[in-house]
Protein backbone atom coordinates (compact mmCIF):
# COMPACT_ATOMS: atom_id res chain seq x y z
CA MET A 1 -45.44 -13.43 10.44
CA MET A 2 -42.01 -13.01 11.03
CA GLN A 3 -39.94 -12.30 8.21
CA LYS A 4 -36.75 -14.47 8.15
CA LYS A 5 -33.43 -12.47 8.30
CA GLN A 6 -31.08 -13.94 5.58
CA ILE A 7 -27.40 -14.35 7.22
CA LYS A 8 -24.20 -13.53 4.89
CA PRO A 9 -21.11 -14.94 5.71
CA LYS A 10 -18.61 -12.56 7.19
CA ALA A 11 -15.29 -14.40 6.04
CA LYS A 12 -13.43 -13.43 2.98
CA LYS A 13 -13.54 -15.45 0.03
CA ASP A 14 -9.83 -16.22 0.34
CA TRP A 15 -9.79 -16.53 4.30
CA TRP A 16 -7.57 -19.51 3.88
CA LYS A 17 -4.39 -17.47 2.38
CA ILE A 18 -4.32 -15.03 5.51
CA PHE A 19 -5.07 -18.06 8.26
CA PHE A 20 -2.14 -20.34 6.73
CA ASN A 21 0.40 -17.25 6.30
CA ASN A 22 0.47 -16.95 10.01
CA THR A 23 1.47 -18.42 13.04
CA ALA A 24 -1.53 -21.21 13.01
CA GLY A 25 -0.37 -22.65 9.73
CA GLN A 26 3.36 -22.68 10.63
CA VAL A 27 2.37 -24.77 13.75
CA MET A 28 0.40 -26.79 11.73
CA PHE A 29 2.94 -27.48 9.00
CA SER A 30 5.96 -27.36 11.17
CA MET A 31 5.01 -30.09 13.81
CA PRO A 32 7.83 -32.96 13.87
CA GLN A 33 6.97 -36.18 12.60
CA GLU A 34 7.62 -38.31 15.71
CA ARG A 35 5.83 -36.25 17.69
CA THR A 36 2.86 -37.30 15.34
CA ARG A 37 4.25 -40.52 15.76
CA GLN A 38 4.25 -40.81 19.20
CA GLU A 39 0.55 -39.13 19.90
CA VAL A 40 -0.81 -42.00 17.20
CA GLN A 41 1.05 -45.01 19.20
CA THR A 42 -0.63 -43.62 22.27
CA ILE A 43 -3.93 -43.64 20.98
CA LEU A 44 -3.89 -46.64 19.50
CA LYS A 45 -2.04 -48.13 22.68
CA GLU A 46 -5.10 -46.65 25.03
CA THR A 47 -7.77 -47.48 22.54
CA LYS A 48 -6.47 -51.09 21.78
CA LEU A 49 -7.49 -51.13 18.01
CA PRO A 50 -6.75 -53.77 16.14
CA LYS A 51 -4.63 -53.17 12.74
CA GLY A 52 -7.30 -52.76 9.91
CA SER A 53 -9.53 -50.98 12.03
CA LYS A 54 -11.84 -47.92 10.65
CA ILE A 55 -10.86 -44.50 11.76
CA LEU A 56 -12.46 -41.46 11.06
CA ASP A 57 -10.44 -38.20 11.52
CA LEU A 58 -12.89 -35.35 12.04
CA GLY A 59 -11.43 -31.88 11.42
CA CYS A 60 -7.96 -33.40 10.32
CA GLY A 61 -6.47 -30.50 9.09
CA VAL A 62 -3.37 -31.22 6.69
CA GLY A 63 -3.71 -34.63 7.68
CA ARG A 64 -0.98 -35.53 9.70
CA HIS A 65 -2.39 -37.99 12.03
CA SER A 66 -4.45 -39.65 9.34
CA LEU A 67 -1.09 -40.21 7.18
CA GLU A 68 0.36 -42.06 10.39
CA PHE A 69 -2.61 -44.09 11.45
CA ALA A 70 -2.58 -45.25 8.02
CA LYS A 71 1.05 -45.95 8.24
CA GLN A 72 0.26 -48.14 11.24
CA GLY A 73 -2.04 -50.38 9.20
CA MET A 74 -5.54 -48.45 9.97
CA ARG A 75 -8.12 -47.83 7.20
CA VAL A 76 -8.66 -43.77 7.74
CA VAL A 77 -11.35 -41.42 6.26
CA GLY A 78 -10.25 -37.68 7.02
CA GLN A 79 -12.73 -34.71 7.18
CA TYR A 80 -10.60 -31.42 6.66
CA GLU A 81 -11.61 -28.14 7.66
């Protein structure tokens, strides 16, 4: 019988401090609000979702789209990374 090998995570405990202190963090937190609003309006126009629709925002990060969807009258649930 083959013995199972336990896989240990290679990421350091506070990996997020490094990630959010570099370019990726700067990009995520510096996106112009107007751009986010336009992206959400495009999505709503293309999908033709009525106000009050439920939206699941998987991988929502800091929630910039989730917040804008909520402002547009959607019911939003986000799953952050």
